[in-house]
Amino acid sequence: MLPSSHQPQRRFIALIILAMSALISLLPPRPMAAQPSAGFASAVACLEGDLSLVTTCFADTIFAPVPANDPALVRVTISGVKQPLAPIGTTSGGFEHRIATNSGIGSVYGLAYDDGAISGVQRVFAAAFTRRFTSFGPLGEGGVYEYRFSDGQWHTSFTVPNLNNNRSDSDPYDRAILAHIGRTGLGDMEISPDGTTLYIVNLAARLLERYDISQPQPKRLNPVSIPIELISVNGPTLNDLQPFALEFAPVTQSNESPRLFVGITDVAYRSLAQPAAHVLEWQ
């Protein structure tokens, strides 16, 4: 049982799990035989083969830091294939190794798949995420990395500016970071249906970062503000609203405008109301 001082953190994490389930990005099926014994069936012809997915991997850090070789990204298939794609890369976590320099991509959460049709680079983007006892990668709190299929390696991609490392070197048990999880750094990210723009939630600034990914090297565009005042004009409630998740609606017609949904939690720290979840739509 968590002490009462940790109840808000637990409620917030529960909301993230329930309302922000954008962890998995679909990858192209590998040329493998179908596995009827796996218990899955699909009416979609292109998914009749072995489905291949990539997801972030969270280690258990309640009692100990993350081992250096723990995977940050893994590929899994319905048939049971498990393939680490990138290591976390920290050797001790805690206060001694806040940055996993040149050894891994650190803690990541948001994922986005670029099929390479526009950029010419087939890759999965992964955004840094603040976690206790888990270091950031070499790009720090605002780091975005990419796993490229051409060479089967992870690479540093870019850093979202004006994000600071909130960890203190004098905090061996990493307790202070608990107040920043889900509220600083980067959240979810998605690529626009036309494959040209990468959107990332800037958690601390509560806005959408945008990057042009039509070329191999992403280029930062002007951010987009999130009008959380549409949800409430109450001061304490506004302070408790936290954008986190992104998802584009499927485009069914060529002349249809893209619709981006932004998932927002009301963590109810200051307003003393019940935690809630909201969704805003941006066209």
C-alpha atoms as a PDB file:
ATOM      1  CA  MET A   1       0.000   0.000   0.000  1.00  0.00           C
ATOM      2  CA  LEU A   2       1.343   3.439  -0.877  1.00  0.00           C
ATOM      3  CA  PRO A   3       1.461   6.059   1.912  1.00  0.00           C
ATOM      4  CA  SER A   4      -1.134   8.823   1.655  1.00  0.00           C
ATOM      5  CA  SER A   5       1.437  11.263   0.226  1.00  0.00           C
ATOM      6  CA  HIS A   6       1.800   9.000  -2.810  1.00  0.00           C
ATOM      7  CA  GLN A   7      -1.910   8.595  -3.520  1.00  0.00           C
ATOM      8  CA  PRO A   8      -2.002  11.474  -6.098  1.00  0.00           C
ATOM      9  CA  GLN A   9       0.910   9.896  -7.979  1.00  0.00           C
ATOM     10  CA  ARG A  10      -0.861   6.538  -8.019  1.00  0.00           C
ATOM     11  CA  ARG A  11      -4.121   8.105  -9.247  1.00  0.00           C
ATOM     12  CA  PHE A  12      -2.241   9.954 -11.958  1.00  0.00           C
ATOM     13  CA  ILE A  13      -0.450   6.802 -13.103  1.00  0.00           C
ATOM     14  CA  ALA A  14      -3.755   4.950 -13.174  1.00  0.00           C
ATOM     15  CA  LEU A  15      -5.265   7.650 -15.386  1.00  0.00           C
ATOM     16  CA  ILE A  16      -2.291   7.478 -17.703  1.00  0.00           C
ATOM     17  CA  ILE A  17      -2.724   3.709 -18.025  1.00  0.00           C
ATOM     18  CA  LEU A  18      -6.457   4.000 -18.671  1.00  0.00           C
ATOM     19  CA  ALA A  19      -6.622   7.064 -20.910  1.00  0.00           C
ATOM     20  CA  MET A  20      -3.227   7.231 -22.550  1.00  0.00           C
ATOM     21  CA  SER A  21      -2.698   3.835 -24.153  1.00  0.00           C
ATOM     22  CA  ALA A  22      -0.691   4.953 -27.188  1.00  0.00           C
ATOM     23  CA  LEU A  23       2.390   2.838 -26.550  1.00  0.00           C
ATOM     24  CA  ILE A  24       2.334   0.483 -29.541  1.00  0.00           C
ATOM     25  CA  SER A  25       3.136   1.332 -33.159  1.00  0.00           C
ATOM     26  CA  LEU A  26       2.287  -1.042 -35.980  1.00  0.00           C
ATOM     27  CA  LEU A  27       5.197  -2.219 -38.090  1.00  0.00           C
ATOM     28  CA  PRO A  28       5.135  -3.869 -41.518  1.00  0.00           C
ATOM     29  CA  PRO A  29       4.519  -7.626 -41.290  1.00  0.00           C
ATOM     30  CA  ARG A  30       7.669  -9.711 -41.580  1.00  0.00           C
ATOM     31  CA  PRO A  31       7.670 -12.575 -44.146  1.00  0.00           C
ATOM     32  CA  MET A  32       6.769 -15.262 -41.635  1.00  0.00           C
ATOM     33  CA  ALA A  33       4.244 -18.095 -41.808  1.00  0.00           C
ATOM     34  CA  ALA A  34       0.847 -17.580 -40.177  1.00  0.00           C
ATOM     35  CA  GLN A  35       0.437 -19.158 -36.729  1.00  0.00           C
ATOM     36  CA  PRO A  36      -3.111 -20.503 -36.387  1.00  0.00           C
ATOM     37  CA  SER A  37      -2.261 -22.022 -33.007  1.00  0.00           C
ATOM     38  CA  ALA A  38      -1.638 -18.554 -31.551  1.00  0.00           C
ATOM     39  CA  GLY A  39      -5.379 -17.989 -31.118  1.00  0.00           C
ATOM     40  CA  PHE A  40      -5.585 -14.826 -33.276  1.00  0.00           C
ATOM     41  CA  ALA A  41      -7.698 -14.380 -36.394  1.00  0.00           C
ATOM     42  CA  SER A  42      -8.202 -11.422 -38.734  1.00  0.00           C
ATOM     43  CA  ALA A  43     -10.637 -10.608 -41.531  1.00  0.00           C
ATOM     44  CA  VAL A  44      -8.049  -8.209 -43.012  1.00  0.00           C
ATOM     45  CA  ALA A  45      -6.064 -10.022 -45.697  1.00  0.00           C
ATOM     46  CA  CYS A  46      -2.839  -8.057 -45.161  1.00  0.00           C
ATOM     47  CA  LEU A  47      -2.777  -9.122 -41.494  1.00  0.00           C
ATOM     48  CA  GLU A  48      -3.094 -12.851 -42.103  1.00  0.00           C
ATOM     49  CA  GLY A  49       0.655 -13.297 -41.695  1.00  0.00           C
ATOM     50  CA  ASP A  50       2.612 -12.963 -38.487  1.00  0.00           C
ATOM     51  CA  LEU A  51       1.963  -9.465 -37.085  1.00  0.00           C
ATOM     52  CA  SER A  52       5.072  -7.557 -36.004  1.00  0.00           C
ATOM     53  CA  LEU A  53       4.926  -4.744 -33.453  1.00  0.00           C
ATOM     54  CA  VAL A  54       7.351  -2.562 -31.522  1.00  0.00           C
ATOM     55  CA  THR A  55       6.745  -1.286 -28.010  1.00  0.00           C
ATOM     56  CA  THR A  56       8.572   0.404 -25.179  1.00  0.00           C
ATOM     57  CA  CYS A  57       9.704  -1.826 -22.332  1.00  0.00           C
ATOM     58  CA  PHE A  58       9.439  -0.663 -18.713  1.00  0.00           C
ATOM     59  CA  ALA A  59      11.585  -2.487 -16.177  1.00  0.00           C
ATOM     60  CA  ASP A  60      10.577  -2.974 -12.542  1.00  0.00           C
ATOM     61  CA  THR A  61      12.350  -0.143 -10.687  1.00  0.00           C
ATOM     62  CA  ILE A  62      10.457  -0.212  -7.389  1.00  0.00           C
ATOM     63  CA  PHE A  63      13.365  -1.705  -5.460  1.00  0.00           C
ATOM     64  CA  ALA A  64      16.383  -1.443  -7.775  1.00  0.00           C
ATOM     65  CA  PRO A  65      17.792   0.587 -10.679  1.00  0.00           C
ATOM     66  CA  VAL A  66      17.546  -0.675 -14.248  1.00  0.00           C
ATOM     67  CA  PRO A  67      20.342  -2.953 -15.560  1.00  0.00           C
ATOM     68  CA  ALA A  68      22.293  -1.528 -18.498  1.00  0.00           C
ATOM     69  CA  ASN A  69      21.236  -4.274 -20.890  1.00  0.00           C
ATOM     70  CA  ASP A  70      17.506  -3.998 -20.180  1.00  0.00           C
ATOM     71  CA  PRO A  71      15.700  -3.206 -23.457  1.00  0.00           C
ATOM     72  CA  ALA A  72      14.116   0.203 -23.997  1.00  0.00           C
ATOM     73  CA  LEU A  73      12.480  -0.914 -27.258  1.00  0.00           C
ATOM     74  CA  VAL A  74      11.440  -4.440 -28.186  1.00  0.00           C
ATOM     75  CA  ARG A  75       9.894  -6.079 -31.261  1.00  0.00           C
ATOM     76  CA  VAL A  76       7.325  -8.802 -30.660  1.00  0.00           C
ATOM     77  CA  THR A  77       5.231 -10.958 -32.974  1.00  0.00           C
ATOM     78  CA  ILE A  78       2.089 -13.034 -32.557  1.00  0.00           C
ATOM     79  CA  SER A  79       4.148 -16.174 -33.112  1.00  0.00           C
ATOM     80  CA  GLY A  80       6.284 -15.392 -30.074  1.00  0.00           C
ATOM     81  CA  VAL A  81       9.397 -13.732 -31.556  1.00  0.00           C
ATOM     82  CA  LYS A  82      10.971 -11.282 -29.092  1.00  0.00           C
ATOM     83  CA  GLN A  83      13.793  -9.049 -30.309  1.00  0.00           C
ATOM     84  CA  PRO A  84      15.426  -6.215 -28.307  1.00  0.00           C
ATOM     85  CA  LEU A  85      15.911  -3.184 -30.589  1.00  0.00           C
ATOM     86  CA  ALA A  86      17.632  -0.720 -28.243  1.00  0.00           C
ATOM     87  CA  PRO A  87      18.978  -0.951 -24.660  1.00  0.00           C
ATOM     88  CA  ILE A  88      18.216   1.475 -21.858  1.00  0.00           C
ATOM     89  CA  GLY A  89      21.949   1.714 -21.248  1.00  0.00           C
ATOM     90  CA  THR A  90      22.246   2.798 -17.622  1.00  0.00           C
ATOM     91  CA  THR A  91      24.570   0.926 -15.291  1.00  0.00           C
ATOM     92  CA  SER A  92      23.214   1.988 -11.905  1.00  0.00           C
ATOM     93  CA  GLY A  93      20.368   4.489 -12.223  1.00  0.00           C
ATOM     94  CA  GLY A  94      19.875   6.508  -9.068  1.00  0.00           C
ATOM     95  CA  PHE A  95      21.988   9.647  -8.735  1.00  0.00           C
ATOM     96  CA  GLU A  96      25.264   8.450 -10.260  1.00  0.00           C
ATOM     97  CA  HIS A  97      24.194   7.955 -13.881  1.00  0.00           C
ATOM     98  CA  ARG A  98      21.510  10.376 -14.998  1.00  0.00           C
ATOM     99  CA  ILE A  99      22.610  10.189 -18.640  1.00  0.00           C
ATOM    100  CA  ALA A 100      23.270   6.869 -20.393  1.00  0.00           C
ATOM    101  CA  THR A 101      25.955   8.380 -22.641  1.00  0.00           C
ATOM    102  CA  ASN A 102      26.682   6.382 -25.811  1.00  0.00           C
ATOM    103  CA  SER A 103      25.332   3.182 -24.337  1.00  0.00           C
ATOM    104  CA  GLY A 104      21.577   3.274 -24.835  1.00  0.00           C
ATOM    105  CA  ILE A 105      18.526   5.486 -25.371  1.00  0.00           C
ATOM    106  CA  GLY A 106      17.446   5.627 -21.730  1.00  0.00           C
ATOM    107  CA  SER A 107      13.814   5.685 -20.647  1.00  0.00           C
ATOM    108  CA  VAL A 108      11.376   6.269 -23.549  1.00  0.00           C
ATOM    109  CA  TYR A 109       7.582   6.241 -23.933  1.00  0.00           C
ATOM    110  CA  GLY A 110       6.082   7.940 -27.013  1.00  0.00           C
ATOM    111  CA  LEU A 111       6.497   6.037 -30.299  1.00  0.00           C
ATOM    112  CA  ALA A 112       5.763   6.959 -33.925  1.00  0.00           C
ATOM    113  CA  TYR A 113       6.348   4.909 -37.082  1.00  0.00           C
ATOM    114  CA  ASP A 114       7.653   6.571 -40.265  1.00  0.00           C
ATOM    115  CA  ASP A 115       7.205   4.189 -43.213  1.00  0.00           C
ATOM    116  CA  GLY A 116       9.749   6.173 -45.262  1.00  0.00           C
ATOM    117  CA  ALA A 117       7.363   6.948 -48.151  1.00  0.00           C
ATOM    118  CA  ILE A 118       8.022  10.701 -47.744  1.00  0.00           C
ATOM    119  CA  SER A 119      11.298  10.936 -45.796  1.00  0.00           C
ATOM    120  CA  GLY A 120      13.029   8.027 -47.512  1.00  0.00           C
ATOM    121  CA  VAL A 121      13.938   6.602 -44.088  1.00  0.00           C
ATOM    122  CA  GLN A 122      11.941   3.732 -42.576  1.00  0.00           C
ATOM    123  CA  ARG A 123      12.208   4.278 -38.822  1.00  0.00           C
ATOM    124  CA  VAL A 124      10.528   4.297 -35.435  1.00  0.00           C
ATOM    125  CA  PHE A 125      10.837   7.482 -33.370  1.00  0.00           C
ATOM    126  CA  ALA A 126      11.039   7.112 -29.566  1.00  0.00           C
ATOM    127  CA  ALA A 127      10.771  10.054 -27.136  1.00  0.00           C
ATOM    128  CA  ALA A 128      12.512  10.351 -23.771  1.00  0.00           C
ATOM    129  CA  PHE A 129      10.307   9.868 -20.720  1.00  0.00           C
ATOM    130  CA  THR A 130      10.942  10.664 -17.058  1.00  0.00           C
ATOM    131  CA  ARG A 131      11.031   7.570 -14.808  1.00  0.00           C
ATOM    132  CA  ARG A 132      12.418   6.880 -11.376  1.00  0.00           C
ATOM    133  CA  PHE A 133      15.768   5.050 -11.288  1.00  0.00           C
ATOM    134  CA  THR A 134      16.016   5.159 -15.083  1.00  0.00           C
ATOM    135  CA  SER A 135      18.469   7.442 -16.851  1.00  0.00           C
ATOM    136  CA  PHE A 136      17.745   9.581 -19.863  1.00  0.00           C
ATOM    137  CA  GLY A 137      19.613   8.774 -23.065  1.00  0.00           C
ATOM    138  CA  PRO A 138      22.511  10.921 -24.347  1.00  0.00           C
ATOM    139  CA  LEU A 139      20.104  13.662 -25.559  1.00  0.00           C
ATOM    140  CA  GLY A 140      18.656  14.221 -22.093  1.00  0.00           C
ATOM    141  CA  GLU A 141      15.065  14.948 -21.091  1.00  0.00           C
ATOM    142  CA  GLY A 142      14.049  16.322 -24.511  1.00  0.00           C
ATOM    143  CA  GLY A 143      15.719  13.594 -26.551  1.00  0.00           C
ATOM    144  CA  VAL A 144      14.105  11.854 -29.506  1.00  0.00           C
ATOM    145  CA  TYR A 145      15.746   8.754 -30.988  1.00  0.00           C
ATOM    146  CA  GLU A 146      15.091   6.665 -34.069  1.00  0.00           C
ATOM    147  CA  TYR A 147      15.487   2.982 -34.847  1.00  0.00           C
ATOM    148  CA  ARG A 148      16.282   2.579 -38.562  1.00  0.00           C
ATOM    149  CA  PHE A 149      15.370  -0.560 -40.431  1.00  0.00           C
ATOM    150  CA  SER A 150      18.080  -0.030 -43.030  1.00  0.00           C
ATOM    151  CA  ASP A 151      20.867  -0.866 -40.580  1.00  0.00           C
ATOM    152  CA  GLY A 152      18.996  -2.297 -37.590  1.00  0.00           C
ATOM    153  CA  GLN A 153      20.503   0.330 -35.267  1.00  0.00           C
ATOM    154  CA  TRP A 154      19.226   3.156 -33.064  1.00  0.00           C
ATOM    155  CA  HIS A 155      20.399   6.731 -33.683  1.00  0.00           C
ATOM    156  CA  THR A 156      20.083  10.106 -31.960  1.00  0.00           C
ATOM    157  CA  SER A 157      17.590  12.194 -33.946  1.00  0.00           C
ATOM    158  CA  PHE A 158      16.963  15.598 -32.292  1.00  0.00           C
ATOM    159  CA  THR A 159      16.377  17.337 -28.962  1.00  0.00           C
ATOM    160  CA  VAL A 160      13.255  19.336 -28.108  1.00  0.00           C
ATOM    161  CA  PRO A 161      14.677  22.633 -26.732  1.00  0.00           C
ATOM    162  CA  ASN A 162      14.092  24.331 -23.378  1.00  0.00           C
ATOM    163  CA  LEU A 163      13.661  21.146 -21.360  1.00  0.00           C
ATOM    164  CA  ASN A 164      15.882  20.725 -18.320  1.00  0.00           C
ATOM    165  CA  ASN A 165      17.078  17.663 -16.467  1.00  0.00           C
ATOM    166  CA  ASN A 166      15.021  17.778 -13.257  1.00  0.00           C
ATOM    167  CA  ARG A 167      17.101  15.247 -11.388  1.00  0.00           C
ATOM    168  CA  SER A 168      19.357  16.163  -8.489  1.00  0.00           C
ATOM    169  CA  ASP A 169      22.715  14.462  -8.028  1.00  0.00           C
ATOM    170  CA  SER A 170      22.209  14.618  -4.249  1.00  0.00           C
ATOM    171  CA  ASP A 171      19.079  12.441  -4.300  1.00  0.00           C
ATOM    172  CA  PRO A 172      20.365   8.828  -4.195  1.00  0.00           C
ATOM    173  CA  TYR A 173      16.872   7.317  -3.954  1.00  0.00           C
ATOM    174  CA  ASP A 174      15.492   9.453  -6.791  1.00  0.00           C
ATOM    175  CA  ARG A 175      12.472  10.442  -4.712  1.00  0.00           C
ATOM    176  CA  ALA A 176      12.246  14.044  -5.919  1.00  0.00           C
ATOM    177  CA  ILE A 177      11.622  12.927  -9.500  1.00  0.00           C
ATOM    178  CA  LEU A 178       8.244  11.440  -8.543  1.00  0.00           C
ATOM    179  CA  ALA A 179       6.607  14.879  -8.688  1.00  0.00           C
ATOM    180  CA  HIS A 180       7.842  15.352 -12.285  1.00  0.00           C
ATOM    181  CA  ILE A 181       6.771  12.028 -13.815  1.00  0.00           C
ATOM    182  CA  GLY A 182       4.119  12.668 -16.444  1.00  0.00           C
ATOM    183  CA  ARG A 183       4.374  16.441 -15.927  1.00  0.00           C
ATOM    184  CA  THR A 184       7.770  17.324 -17.415  1.00  0.00           C
ATOM    185  CA  GLY A 185       9.698  16.226 -20.486  1.00  0.00           C
ATOM    186  CA  LEU A 186       7.950  14.531 -23.402  1.00  0.00           C
ATOM    187  CA  GLY A 187       4.701  12.599 -23.674  1.00  0.00           C
ATOM    188  CA  ASP A 188       3.049  10.840 -26.589  1.00  0.00           C
ATOM    189  CA  MET A 189       3.802  11.527 -30.260  1.00  0.00           C
ATOM    190  CA  GLU A 190       2.175  10.831 -33.620  1.00  0.00           C
ATOM    191  CA  ILE A 191       2.920  11.351 -37.325  1.00  0.00           C
ATOM    192  CA  SER A 192       0.384  13.144 -39.527  1.00  0.00           C
ATOM    193  CA  PRO A 193      -1.502  10.958 -42.042  1.00  0.00           C
ATOM    194  CA  ASP A 194       0.437  12.510 -44.955  1.00  0.00           C
ATOM    195  CA  GLY A 195       3.724  11.417 -43.329  1.00  0.00           C
ATOM    196  CA  THR A 196       5.273  14.894 -43.260  1.00  0.00           C
ATOM    197  CA  THR A 197       4.935  16.105 -39.663  1.00  0.00           C
ATOM    198  CA  LEU A 198       5.789  14.619 -36.272  1.00  0.00           C
ATOM    199  CA  TYR A 199       3.761  15.892 -33.287  1.00  0.00           C
ATOM    200  CA  ILE A 200       5.045  15.549 -29.706  1.00  0.00           C
ATOM    201  CA  VAL A 201       3.452  16.599 -26.410  1.00  0.00           C
ATOM    202  CA  ASN A 202       5.668  18.991 -24.453  1.00  0.00           C
ATOM    203  CA  LEU A 203       4.446  18.092 -20.969  1.00  0.00           C
ATOM    204  CA  ALA A 204       5.840  21.015 -18.975  1.00  0.00           C
ATOM    205  CA  ALA A 205       4.806  23.700 -21.496  1.00  0.00           C
ATOM    206  CA  ARG A 206       1.518  21.885 -22.245  1.00  0.00           C
ATOM    207  CA  LEU A 207       1.780  22.393 -25.979  1.00  0.00           C
ATOM    208  CA  LEU A 208       2.353  20.395 -29.163  1.00  0.00           C
ATOM    209  CA  GLU A 209       5.833  20.401 -30.635  1.00  0.00           C
ATOM    210  CA  ARG A 210       5.932  19.923 -34.415  1.00  0.00           C
ATOM    211  CA  TYR A 211       8.779  18.630 -36.582  1.00  0.00           C
ATOM    212  CA  ASP A 212       8.995  18.440 -40.361  1.00  0.00           C
ATOM    213  CA  ILE A 213      10.089  14.878 -41.150  1.00  0.00           C
ATOM    214  CA  SER A 214       9.774  15.062 -44.935  1.00  0.00           C
ATOM    215  CA  GLN A 215      13.582  14.838 -45.048  1.00  0.00           C
ATOM    216  CA  PRO A 216      15.902  12.410 -43.219  1.00  0.00           C
ATOM    217  CA  GLN A 217      16.828  15.106 -40.647  1.00  0.00           C
ATOM    218  CA  PRO A 218      13.758  16.418 -38.746  1.00  0.00           C
ATOM    219  CA  LYS A 219      13.323  20.213 -38.632  1.00  0.00           C
ATOM    220  CA  ARG A 220      11.484  22.002 -35.831  1.00  0.00           C
ATOM    221  CA  LEU A 221       8.350  23.976 -36.748  1.00  0.00           C
ATOM    222  CA  ASN A 222       6.334  26.421 -34.647  1.00  0.00           C
ATOM    223  CA  PRO A 223       4.638  24.677 -31.701  1.00  0.00           C
ATOM    224  CA  VAL A 224       0.839  24.537 -31.387  1.00  0.00           C
ATOM    225  CA  SER A 225      -0.844  25.717 -28.185  1.00  0.00           C
ATOM    226  CA  ILE A 226      -3.418  23.444 -26.510  1.00  0.00           C
ATOM    227  CA  PRO A 227      -6.503  25.462 -25.426  1.00  0.00           C
ATOM    228  CA  ILE A 228      -7.070  23.755 -22.078  1.00  0.00           C
ATOM    229  CA  GLU A 229      -9.292  26.683 -21.085  1.00  0.00           C
ATOM    230  CA  LEU A 230     -11.977  25.045 -23.242  1.00  0.00           C
ATOM    231  CA  ILE A 231     -12.249  22.442 -20.487  1.00  0.00           C
ATOM    232  CA  SER A 232     -12.381  24.794 -17.501  1.00  0.00           C
ATOM    233  CA  VAL A 233     -11.704  28.411 -16.515  1.00  0.00           C
ATOM    234  CA  ASN A 234     -11.290  27.515 -12.844  1.00  0.00           C
ATOM    235  CA  GLY A 235      -7.723  28.319 -11.745  1.00  0.00           C
ATOM    236  CA  PRO A 236      -6.961  25.204  -9.653  1.00  0.00           C
ATOM    237  CA  THR A 237      -8.530  22.959 -12.311  1.00  0.00           C
ATOM    238  CA  LEU A 238      -6.485  24.595 -15.074  1.00  0.00           C
ATOM    239  CA  ASN A 239      -3.333  23.902 -13.079  1.00  0.00           C
ATOM    240  CA  ASP A 240      -4.324  20.245 -12.797  1.00  0.00           C
ATOM    241  CA  LEU A 241      -4.963  19.669 -16.522  1.00  0.00           C
ATOM    242  CA  GLN A 242      -2.144  17.681 -18.158  1.00  0.00           C
ATOM    243  CA  PRO A 243      -2.064  16.928 -21.910  1.00  0.00           C
ATOM    244  CA  PHE A 244      -0.392  13.599 -22.606  1.00  0.00           C
ATOM    245  CA  ALA A 245      -1.763  11.383 -25.405  1.00  0.00           C
ATOM    246  CA  LEU A 246      -2.141  11.928 -29.175  1.00  0.00           C
ATOM    247  CA  GLU A 247      -4.001  10.050 -31.898  1.00  0.00           C
ATOM    248  CA  PHE A 248      -4.956  10.910 -35.468  1.00  0.00           C
ATOM    249  CA  ALA A 249      -8.357   9.837 -36.747  1.00  0.00           C
ATOM    250  CA  PRO A 250      -8.234   7.674 -39.892  1.00  0.00           C
ATOM    251  CA  VAL A 251      -8.518   9.671 -43.126  1.00  0.00           C
ATOM    252  CA  THR A 252     -11.157   8.069 -45.332  1.00  0.00           C
ATOM    253  CA  GLN A 253     -11.362  10.643 -48.162  1.00  0.00           C
ATOM    254  CA  SER A 254      -8.627  12.471 -50.078  1.00  0.00           C
ATOM    255  CA  ASN A 255     -10.125  15.915 -49.356  1.00  0.00           C
ATOM    256  CA  GLU A 256     -10.683  15.229 -45.653  1.00  0.00           C
ATOM    257  CA  SER A 257      -8.802  17.402 -43.135  1.00  0.00           C
ATOM    258  CA  PRO A 258      -6.672  15.492 -40.595  1.00  0.00           C
ATOM    259  CA  ARG A 259      -8.177  15.343 -37.110  1.00  0.00           C
ATOM    260  CA  LEU A 260      -5.755  15.115 -34.183  1.00  0.00           C
ATOM    261  CA  PHE A 261      -7.132  14.115 -30.772  1.00  0.00           C
ATOM    262  CA  VAL A 262      -5.313  15.229 -27.602  1.00  0.00           C
ATOM    263  CA  GLY A 263      -5.906  13.237 -24.415  1.00  0.00           C
ATOM    264  CA  ILE A 264      -5.813  15.322 -21.222  1.00  0.00           C
ATOM    265  CA  THR A 265      -6.023  14.219 -17.591  1.00  0.00           C
ATOM    266  CA  ASP A 266      -7.350  16.272 -14.690  1.00  0.00           C
ATOM    267  CA  VAL A 267      -5.133  14.936 -11.931  1.00  0.00           C
ATOM    268  CA  ALA A 268      -7.110  16.813  -9.235  1.00  0.00           C
ATOM    269  CA  TYR A 269      -4.094  17.814  -7.124  1.00  0.00           C
ATOM    270  CA  ARG A 270      -5.259  21.335  -6.309  1.00  0.00           C
ATOM    271  CA  SER A 271      -8.960  21.365  -7.124  1.00  0.00           C
ATOM    272  CA  LEU A 272      -9.753  18.420  -4.773  1.00  0.00           C
ATOM    273  CA  ALA A 273     -12.201  17.126  -7.385  1.00  0.00           C
ATOM    274  CA  GLN A 274     -12.313  13.602  -8.757  1.00  0.00           C
ATOM    275  CA  PRO A 275      -9.648  12.760 -11.362  1.00  0.00           C
ATOM    276  CA  ALA A 276     -11.046  12.869 -14.903  1.00  0.00           C
ATOM    277  CA  ALA A 277      -9.991  12.512 -18.520  1.00  0.00           C
ATOM    278  CA  HIS A 278     -10.813  14.822 -21.451  1.00  0.00           C
ATOM    279  CA  VAL A 279     -10.229  14.778 -25.202  1.00  0.00           C
ATOM    280  CA  LEU A 280      -9.774  17.841 -27.415  1.00  0.00           C
ATOM    281  CA  GLU A 281      -9.801  17.749 -31.217  1.00  0.00           C
ATOM    282  CA  TRP A 282      -7.541  19.857 -33.435  1.00  0.00           C
ATOM    283  CA  GLN A 283      -8.002  20.167 -37.182  1.00  0.00           C
END
